[in-house]
Amino acid sequence: MEDGLRFLAASIAIGVSALATGLAQSRIGAAGAGTIAEKPESIGSVFILIAIPETMVILGFVIAALILLAH
C-alpha cells in the first residue's frame, strides 16, 4: 500500500506540473505570436517567456524523484 501511494504521489507531481506548463505555454505562445507579428525585435523576450514555464515540469520531476527515492 505504501509503495502504491508513493507512485501515485509521484505521478501527480509530474502530471499536474505538466498540465500547468501546457496551459501556461499555450497562453504565452498565443500572445507571443501576436507580439512578434507587431514587433519582430521582441523575439528574444518571447522566447525566454515561453521557456520559463518549463521549469515547472523540471521541478515536478525533481519532486517525483525525491518521493520515489526516499524510503
C-alpha atoms as a PDB file:
ATOM      1  CA  MET A   1       0.000   0.000   0.000  1.00  0.00           C
ATOM      2  CA  GLU A   2       2.802   2.414   0.877  1.00  0.00           C
ATOM      3  CA  ASP A   3       4.547   1.907  -2.472  1.00  0.00           C
ATOM      4  CA  GLY A   4       1.306   2.486  -4.331  1.00  0.00           C
ATOM      5  CA  LEU A   5       0.762   5.807  -2.592  1.00  0.00           C
ATOM      6  CA  ARG A   6       4.333   6.880  -3.361  1.00  0.00           C
ATOM      7  CA  PHE A   7       3.840   6.066  -7.046  1.00  0.00           C
ATOM      8  CA  LEU A   8       0.536   7.931  -7.050  1.00  0.00           C
ATOM      9  CA  ALA A   9       2.124  10.986  -5.416  1.00  0.00           C
ATOM     10  CA  ALA A  10       4.992  10.967  -7.922  1.00  0.00           C
ATOM     11  CA  SER A  11       2.623  10.693 -10.880  1.00  0.00           C
ATOM     12  CA  ILE A  12       0.508  13.562  -9.533  1.00  0.00           C
ATOM     13  CA  ALA A  13       3.642  15.707  -9.141  1.00  0.00           C
ATOM     14  CA  ILE A  14       4.599  15.135 -12.778  1.00  0.00           C
ATOM     15  CA  GLY A  15       1.068  15.257 -14.183  1.00  0.00           C
ATOM     16  CA  VAL A  16      -0.087  18.456 -12.520  1.00  0.00           C
ATOM     17  CA  SER A  17       3.116  20.300 -13.339  1.00  0.00           C
ATOM     18  CA  ALA A  18       2.937  19.151 -16.974  1.00  0.00           C
ATOM     19  CA  LEU A  19      -0.692  20.259 -17.312  1.00  0.00           C
ATOM     20  CA  ALA A  20       0.076  23.639 -15.747  1.00  0.00           C
ATOM     21  CA  THR A  21       3.034  24.108 -18.078  1.00  0.00           C
ATOM     22  CA  GLY A  22       0.936  23.269 -21.118  1.00  0.00           C
ATOM     23  CA  LEU A  23      -1.751  25.740 -20.104  1.00  0.00           C
ATOM     24  CA  ALA A  24       0.793  28.490 -19.440  1.00  0.00           C
ATOM     25  CA  GLN A  25       2.683  27.894 -22.671  1.00  0.00           C
ATOM     26  CA  SER A  26      -0.478  27.902 -24.760  1.00  0.00           C
ATOM     27  CA  ARG A  27      -1.429  31.333 -23.474  1.00  0.00           C
ATOM     28  CA  ILE A  28       2.109  32.707 -23.666  1.00  0.00           C
ATOM     29  CA  GLY A  29       2.556  31.290 -27.158  1.00  0.00           C
ATOM     30  CA  ALA A  30      -0.620  32.892 -28.482  1.00  0.00           C
ATOM     31  CA  ALA A  31       0.269  36.264 -27.000  1.00  0.00           C
ATOM     32  CA  GLY A  32       3.869  35.905 -28.137  1.00  0.00           C
ATOM     33  CA  ALA A  33       2.855  35.211 -31.726  1.00  0.00           C
ATOM     34  CA  GLY A  34       0.846  38.422 -31.785  1.00  0.00           C
ATOM     35  CA  THR A  35       3.695  40.351 -30.220  1.00  0.00           C
ATOM     36  CA  ILE A  36       6.236  39.048 -32.733  1.00  0.00           C
ATOM     37  CA  ALA A  37       3.857  39.892 -35.596  1.00  0.00           C
ATOM     38  CA  GLU A  38       3.702  43.503 -34.452  1.00  0.00           C
ATOM     39  CA  LYS A  39       7.239  43.876 -33.071  1.00  0.00           C
ATOM     40  CA  PRO A  40       9.688  41.351 -34.610  1.00  0.00           C
ATOM     41  CA  GLU A  41      12.592  42.621 -32.487  1.00  0.00           C
ATOM     42  CA  SER A  42      10.925  41.226 -29.350  1.00  0.00           C
ATOM     43  CA  ILE A  43      11.509  37.597 -30.351  1.00  0.00           C
ATOM     44  CA  GLY A  44      14.208  37.133 -27.698  1.00  0.00           C
ATOM     45  CA  SER A  45      11.926  38.182 -24.866  1.00  0.00           C
ATOM     46  CA  VAL A  46       9.096  35.990 -26.136  1.00  0.00           C
ATOM     47  CA  PHE A  47      11.445  33.019 -26.419  1.00  0.00           C
ATOM     48  CA  ILE A  48      12.524  33.450 -22.796  1.00  0.00           C
ATOM     49  CA  LEU A  49       8.913  33.808 -21.634  1.00  0.00           C
ATOM     50  CA  ILE A  50       7.993  30.564 -23.414  1.00  0.00           C
ATOM     51  CA  ALA A  51      10.922  28.729 -21.801  1.00  0.00           C
ATOM     52  CA  ILE A  52      10.205  29.837 -18.211  1.00  0.00           C
ATOM     53  CA  PRO A  53       7.189  27.538 -17.598  1.00  0.00           C
ATOM     54  CA  GLU A  54       9.342  24.518 -18.445  1.00  0.00           C
ATOM     55  CA  THR A  55      10.938  24.904 -15.037  1.00  0.00           C
ATOM     56  CA  MET A  56       7.635  23.758 -13.505  1.00  0.00           C
ATOM     57  CA  VAL A  57       7.987  20.371 -15.198  1.00  0.00           C
ATOM     58  CA  ILE A  58      11.618  20.116 -14.132  1.00  0.00           C
ATOM     59  CA  LEU A  59      10.675  20.903 -10.542  1.00  0.00           C
ATOM     60  CA  GLY A  60       7.811  18.390 -10.727  1.00  0.00           C
ATOM     61  CA  PHE A  61      10.292  15.773 -11.912  1.00  0.00           C
ATOM     62  CA  VAL A  62      12.661  16.596  -9.041  1.00  0.00           C
ATOM     63  CA  ILE A  63       9.828  16.296  -6.522  1.00  0.00           C
ATOM     64  CA  ALA A  64       8.746  12.969  -8.057  1.00  0.00           C
ATOM     65  CA  ALA A  65      12.330  11.685  -7.883  1.00  0.00           C
ATOM     66  CA  LEU A  66      12.591  12.739  -4.237  1.00  0.00           C
ATOM     67  CA  ILE A  67       9.306  10.972  -3.460  1.00  0.00           C
ATOM     68  CA  LEU A  68      10.414   7.768  -5.172  1.00  0.00           C
ATOM     69  CA  LEU A  69      13.953   7.722  -3.796  1.00  0.00           C
ATOM     70  CA  ALA A  70      13.029   8.496  -0.172  1.00  0.00           C
ATOM     71  CA  HIS A  71      12.412   5.436   1.965  1.00  0.00           C
END
